[in-house]
Amino acid sequence: MTRINYLFIIFSLVVAFSLLSCTLPKKEWGDIRVPTANPSEIYGGYSAGCLDGAVQLTERHNNNFLIMRPSRHRMFAHPQLIDFLESHANDIGNSNLGILAIGDLSQARGGPMSSGHASHQAGLDADIWFKRFNSFEAQVLKNQDRESYSAVSMVDNSKWQINKNWDASQALVLKKAASDERVERIFVNFAIKKQLCQSFKGQTWLSKIRPWWGHQYHYHVRLTCPQDSPNCKAQKRVSSTDGCDKSLNWWFSEDAHRPKQVKSESIEKQKPKELILPKQCHSVLNAQA
């Protein structure tokens, strides 16, 4: 074997290993049910990342929220998100606004999910139902199967406007969430954003409320990258304006609703088959618990 051929083989092996360390099948992330024992740190971004040292959200010490669809095993997050959710739930409960229903956070080590979301990979995203429960309803749900309980839509899709389920308390809950300095943005259905603009135009917290496909059943809270994660890829910050301008009008245009634009209820369901993740995610995926 010539020296050139030998060097070519070595180079090929190095490239192959490099690609292996960055390209990871989605199904492996969902199979892991235990976070790493390392300090919490995020690698990558909301839609292409992973989470070292995740913390599990539990109901043991907090009666102000319920975890919905627990069999999905998506109740892990960075400690900053866990703290936000507990604080937000306590704020809502102490304000007599009900008990929160919390949906998907992230998987035990973050990473891509096999279904449901393109984001939620870095432990900084959380879905919270608009439907809240009173104490009696919450107690019943604690002893029943939460897998099939239906969320409630706030939007009439045929008219692109809110429906009878919406009330002033929903706006107050969103305002409380958006007022937390850790919150980077909150996704809601564009009809909900329009309703908020009609009632609260000019208020600074509206800048964080962003219109997006779907999100008529829940609001999607996204936090900023925490200081303990220098490798966390931040998203472009939202504008300081309230967002109640011409940009909102686009969501109600024919262009926005052409079939090529909307292929499912939520654009988050349209995911690439394979994601290139930060190289550190290979170690996160394979680390001992």
Protein backbone atom coordinates (compact mmCIF):
# COMPACT_ATOMS: atom_id res chain seq x y z
CA MET A 1 0.00 0.00 0.00
CA THR A 2 1.40 3.34 -1.02
CA ARG A 3 1.77 6.21 1.42
CA ILE A 4 -0.87 8.20 -0.52
CA ASN A 5 -3.43 5.39 -0.24
CA TYR A 6 -2.68 5.02 3.45
CA LEU A 7 -3.22 8.71 4.10
CA PHE A 8 -6.47 8.64 2.10
CA ILE A 9 -7.82 5.80 4.27
CA ILE A 10 -6.92 7.67 7.47
CA PHE A 11 -8.57 10.83 6.14
CA SER A 12 -11.75 8.90 5.20
CA LEU A 13 -11.99 7.37 8.68
CA VAL A 14 -11.61 10.78 10.34
CA VAL A 15 -14.36 12.27 8.15
CA ALA A 16 -16.66 9.31 8.80
CA PHE A 17 -16.19 9.56 12.56
CA SER A 18 -16.80 13.29 12.46
CA LEU A 19 -20.08 12.83 10.60
CA LEU A 20 -21.12 10.06 12.99
CA SER A 21 -20.58 12.34 15.97
CA CYS A 22 -22.80 15.07 14.55
CA THR A 23 -25.56 13.18 12.70
CA LEU A 24 -27.75 11.27 15.11
CA PRO A 25 -30.97 9.30 14.40
CA LYS A 26 -34.06 10.75 16.06
CA LYS A 27 -35.32 7.49 17.49
CA GLU A 28 -32.33 7.12 19.83
CA TRP A 29 -33.12 10.32 21.71
CA GLY A 30 -36.66 9.27 22.50
CA ASP A 31 -35.52 5.87 23.74
CA ILE A 32 -33.45 7.37 26.55
CA ARG A 33 -35.52 8.02 29.68
CA VAL A 34 -32.82 9.21 32.10
CA PRO A 35 -30.86 12.48 31.91
CA THR A 36 -27.09 12.63 32.27
CA ALA A 37 -25.57 13.23 35.70
CA ASN A 38 -23.50 16.15 34.43
CA PRO A 39 -24.02 19.83 35.26
CA SER A 40 -26.77 21.41 33.17
CA GLU A 41 -25.60 22.77 29.84
CA ILE A 42 -27.20 23.30 26.43
CA TYR A 43 -25.50 22.58 23.13
CA GLY A 44 -27.00 24.02 19.96
CA GLY A 45 -30.36 25.68 19.51
CA TYR A 46 -34.06 25.19 19.97
CA SER A 47 -34.48 23.16 16.76
CA ALA A 48 -31.06 21.47 16.56
CA GLY A 49 -29.56 20.84 19.97
CA CYS A 50 -29.38 18.72 23.09
CA LEU A 51 -29.35 19.06 26.87
CA ASP A 52 -26.80 17.84 29.38
CA GLY A 53 -27.89 17.50 33.01
CA ALA A 54 -31.63 17.94 32.45
CA VAL A 55 -34.05 18.27 35.37
CA GLN A 56 -37.42 16.51 35.46
CA LEU A 57 -40.58 18.48 36.13
CA THR A 58 -42.63 16.74 38.83
CA GLU A 59 -45.86 17.47 40.68
CA ARG A 60 -44.63 16.25 44.06
CA HIS A 61 -44.15 19.67 45.62
CA ASN A 62 -46.52 21.81 43.57
CA ASN A 63 -50.31 21.61 43.39
CA ASN A 64 -50.65 24.44 40.88
CA PHE A 65 -50.01 22.42 37.71
CA LEU A 66 -50.66 19.05 36.12
CA ILE A 67 -48.45 17.25 33.61
CA MET A 68 -50.47 16.15 30.59
CA ARG A 69 -49.67 13.20 28.30
CA PRO A 70 -47.08 11.81 30.76
CA SER A 71 -46.47 8.68 28.67
CA ARG A 72 -44.63 10.83 26.13
CA HIS A 73 -41.92 11.25 28.75
CA ARG A 74 -41.23 14.81 27.65
CA MET A 75 -41.11 16.53 31.03
CA PHE A 76 -37.38 17.34 31.14
CA ALA A 77 -35.79 20.76 30.78
CA HIS A 78 -32.98 23.07 31.75
CA PRO A 79 -33.32 24.12 35.44
CA GLN A 80 -34.18 27.65 34.32
CA LEU A 81 -37.32 26.43 32.55
CA ILE A 82 -38.31 24.22 35.49
CA ASP A 83 -38.03 27.24 37.79
CA PHE A 84 -40.05 29.38 35.41
CA LEU A 85 -42.86 26.82 35.14
CA GLU A 86 -43.11 26.39 38.89
CA SER A 87 -43.08 30.16 39.45
CA HIS A 88 -45.59 30.77 36.66
CA ALA A 89 -47.93 28.07 38.00
CA ASN A 90 -47.73 29.52 41.51
CA ASP A 91 -48.43 33.00 40.18
CA ILE A 92 -51.49 31.77 38.28
CA GLY A 93 -52.72 29.73 41.25
CA ASN A 94 -52.23 32.53 43.76
CA SER A 95 -54.13 34.85 41.42
CA ASN A 96 -57.11 32.46 41.47
CA LEU A 97 -56.75 31.83 37.74
CA GLY A 98 -56.73 28.06 38.02
CA ILE A 99 -54.35 25.15 37.80
CA LEU A 100 -52.08 24.95 34.75
CA ALA A 101 -52.00 22.01 32.37
CA ILE A 102 -48.44 21.57 31.10
CA GLY A 103 -47.73 19.61 27.95
CA ASP A 104 -44.43 18.83 26.24
CA LEU A 105 -41.10 20.18 27.46
CA SER A 106 -38.09 18.19 26.17
CA GLN A 107 -36.83 14.62 26.29
CA ALA A 108 -34.44 13.40 28.96
CA ARG A 109 -31.42 14.58 26.98
CA GLY A 110 -33.17 16.99 24.67
CA GLY A 111 -32.52 16.30 21.02
CA PRO A 112 -34.96 15.74 18.15
CA MET A 113 -38.30 14.05 18.73
CA SER A 114 -39.79 11.35 16.51
CA SER A 115 -43.08 13.25 16.30
CA GLY A 116 -44.84 16.45 17.30
CA HIS A 117 -42.15 19.13 17.32
CA ALA A 118 -39.25 20.48 15.34
CA SER A 119 -38.16 22.53 18.35
CA HIS A 120 -38.19 21.59 22.09
CA GLN A 121 -34.66 20.18 21.69
CA ALA A 122 -32.68 22.38 24.09
CA GLY A 123 -34.81 22.23 27.24
CA LEU A 124 -36.02 25.82 26.91
CA ASP A 125 -39.46 25.27 25.29
CA ALA A 126 -42.73 24.41 27.03
CA ASP A 127 -46.32 23.98 25.86
CA ILE A 128 -48.95 25.18 28.32
CA TRP A 129 -52.63 24.59 27.65
CA PHE A 130 -55.03 27.52 27.50
CA LYS A 131 -57.46 25.24 29.30
CA ARG A 132 -56.92 25.49 33.05
CA PHE A 133 -58.54 23.45 35.81
CA ASN A 134 -60.24 24.19 39.11
CA SER A 135 -59.29 22.17 42.19
CA PHE A 136 -62.04 19.59 41.73
CA GLU A 137 -61.19 19.00 38.06
CA ALA A 138 -57.50 18.70 38.89
CA GLN A 139 -58.15 16.15 41.61
CA VAL A 140 -60.25 14.03 39.26
CA LEU A 141 -57.56 14.18 36.59
CA LYS A 142 -54.86 13.14 39.04
CA ASN A 143 -56.65 9.82 39.42
CA GLN A 144 -57.54 9.33 35.76
CA ASP A 145 -55.77 8.74 32.50
CA ARG A 146 -54.45 12.06 31.18
CA GLU A 147 -53.42 10.63 27.84
CA SER A 148 -56.75 11.12 26.08
CA TYR A 149 -58.08 14.22 27.84
CA SER A 150 -58.71 16.84 25.16
CA ALA A 151 -57.28 20.33 25.14
CA VAL A 152 -59.66 23.17 24.26
CA SER A 153 -59.21 25.42 21.23
CA MET A 154 -59.54 29.19 21.60
CA VAL A 155 -59.90 29.82 17.86
CA ASP A 156 -62.57 29.43 15.19
CA ASN A 157 -60.41 28.35 12.26
CA SER A 158 -63.17 28.92 9.72
CA LYS A 159 -63.32 32.62 10.62
CA TRP A 160 -59.70 33.16 11.78
CA GLN A 161 -60.89 34.67 15.05
CA ILE A 162 -61.18 33.70 18.71
CA ASN A 163 -64.17 31.63 19.79
CA LYS A 164 -66.42 31.57 22.84
CA ASN A 165 -63.80 29.75 24.94
CA TRP A 166 -61.59 32.84 25.07
CA ASP A 167 -61.99 35.23 27.99
CA ALA A 168 -60.05 38.02 29.69
CA SER A 169 -58.23 35.60 31.99
CA GLN A 170 -56.37 34.10 29.02
CA ALA A 171 -54.83 37.48 28.22
CA LEU A 172 -53.86 37.98 31.85
CA VAL A 173 -52.09 34.62 31.95
CA LEU A 174 -50.14 35.46 28.80
CA LYS A 175 -49.20 38.86 30.18
CA LYS A 176 -47.87 37.27 33.36
CA ALA A 177 -45.76 34.81 31.37
CA ALA A 178 -44.42 37.44 28.97
CA SER A 179 -43.48 39.75 31.84
CA ASP A 180 -40.86 37.28 33.10
CA GLU A 181 -37.46 38.52 31.91
CA ARG A 182 -36.32 34.96 31.20
CA VAL A 183 -38.98 34.54 28.50
CA GLU A 184 -37.65 35.16 25.01
CA ARG A 185 -40.96 34.79 23.15
CA ILE A 186 -44.37 33.11 23.36
CA PHE A 187 -46.03 31.55 20.31
CA VAL A 188 -49.81 31.81 19.94
CA ASN A 189 -52.24 31.46 17.08
CA PHE A 190 -52.37 34.59 14.90
CA ALA A 191 -56.07 35.08 15.73
CA ILE A 192 -55.12 35.28 19.41
CA LYS A 193 -52.39 37.79 18.66
CA LYS A 194 -54.95 39.92 16.81
CA GLN A 195 -57.34 39.79 19.77
CA LEU A 196 -54.56 40.86 22.13
CA CYS A 197 -53.67 43.75 19.83
CA GLN A 198 -57.26 44.94 19.88
CA SER A 199 -57.26 45.03 23.68
CA PHE A 200 -53.67 45.89 24.63
CA LYS A 201 -52.11 47.65 21.64
CA GLY A 202 -48.99 49.60 22.63
CA GLN A 203 -48.16 47.57 25.73
CA THR A 204 -44.55 46.39 25.79
CA TRP A 205 -45.23 42.76 26.81
CA LEU A 206 -47.00 42.20 23.48
CA SER A 207 -43.63 42.26 21.70
CA LYS A 208 -42.95 38.76 23.04
CA ILE A 209 -46.28 37.37 21.85
CA ARG A 210 -45.56 35.99 18.37
CA PRO A 211 -48.13 34.68 15.86
CA TRP A 212 -47.48 31.17 14.56
CA TRP A 213 -49.27 28.27 12.91
CA GLY A 214 -51.35 26.10 15.23
CA HIS A 215 -51.12 27.15 18.89
CA GLN A 216 -54.85 27.54 19.34
CA TYR A 217 -54.88 24.91 22.09
CA HIS A 218 -51.77 26.01 23.95
CA TYR A 219 -49.22 28.77 24.26
CA HIS A 220 -45.60 27.88 23.61
CA VAL A 221 -43.15 29.55 26.00
CA ARG A 222 -39.50 29.84 24.92
CA LEU A 223 -36.77 31.05 27.27
CA THR A 224 -33.52 32.82 26.44
CA CYS A 225 -30.22 30.94 26.49
CA PRO A 226 -28.99 30.66 30.11
CA GLN A 227 -25.62 31.98 31.25
CA ASP A 228 -24.34 28.51 32.11
CA SER A 229 -24.55 27.45 28.45
CA PRO A 230 -22.09 29.37 26.24
CA ASN A 231 -22.71 26.85 23.44
CA CYS A 232 -26.45 27.52 23.40
CA LYS A 233 -27.43 29.05 20.05
CA ALA A 234 -29.64 32.05 20.71
CA GLN A 235 -32.49 33.08 18.46
CA LYS A 236 -32.69 36.58 17.02
CA ARG A 237 -34.30 38.79 19.64
CA VAL A 238 -37.84 39.96 19.06
CA SER A 239 -38.58 43.53 18.07
CA SER A 240 -39.35 45.96 20.87
CA THR A 241 -42.55 47.02 19.11
CA ASP A 242 -45.90 45.46 20.01
CA GLY A 243 -46.20 43.55 16.71
CA CYS A 244 -49.65 44.98 16.03
CA ASP A 245 -48.65 46.38 12.64
CA LYS A 246 -48.77 45.39 8.97
CA SER A 247 -46.72 42.28 9.68
CA LEU A 248 -49.71 40.83 11.56
CA ASN A 249 -51.99 41.45 8.59
CA TRP A 250 -50.01 38.94 6.50
CA TRP A 251 -51.26 36.07 8.64
CA PHE A 252 -54.81 36.81 7.48
CA SER A 253 -53.93 37.08 3.79
CA GLU A 254 -54.55 34.52 1.05
CA ASP A 255 -50.81 34.20 0.57
CA ALA A 256 -50.37 32.95 4.12
CA HIS A 257 -52.98 30.23 3.70
CA ARG A 258 -52.11 28.77 0.33
CA PRO A 259 -51.73 24.97 0.46
CA LYS A 260 -47.98 25.13 -0.20
CA GLN A 261 -47.62 27.23 2.95
CA VAL A 262 -49.83 25.16 5.25
CA LYS A 263 -49.62 21.39 4.85
CA SER A 264 -50.72 20.50 8.37
CA GLU A 265 -52.28 22.11 11.41
CA SER A 266 -48.87 23.13 12.67
CA ILE A 267 -45.78 23.88 10.63
CA GLU A 268 -43.76 22.38 13.49
CA LYS A 269 -44.82 18.93 12.27
CA GLN A 270 -42.90 19.45 9.03
CA LYS A 271 -39.47 18.28 10.10
CA PRO A 272 -36.38 17.26 8.16
CA LYS A 273 -35.53 13.55 8.20
CA GLU A 274 -32.13 14.17 9.69
CA LEU A 275 -30.57 16.98 11.70
CA ILE A 276 -26.94 17.90 12.08
CA LEU A 277 -26.42 18.44 15.79
CA PRO A 278 -23.46 19.95 17.66
CA LYS A 279 -20.63 17.45 18.11
CA GLN A 280 -21.05 17.56 21.90
CA CYS A 281 -24.45 15.90 21.50
CA HIS A 282 -22.78 12.59 20.67
CA SER A 283 -21.33 12.53 24.20
CA VAL A 284 -24.64 13.63 25.73
CA LEU A 285 -26.51 10.88 23.94
CA ASN A 286 -24.07 8.15 25.01
CA ALA A 287 -23.23 9.34 28.52
CA GLN A 288 -23.91 7.14 31.54
CA ALA A 289 -26.79 8.30 33.71
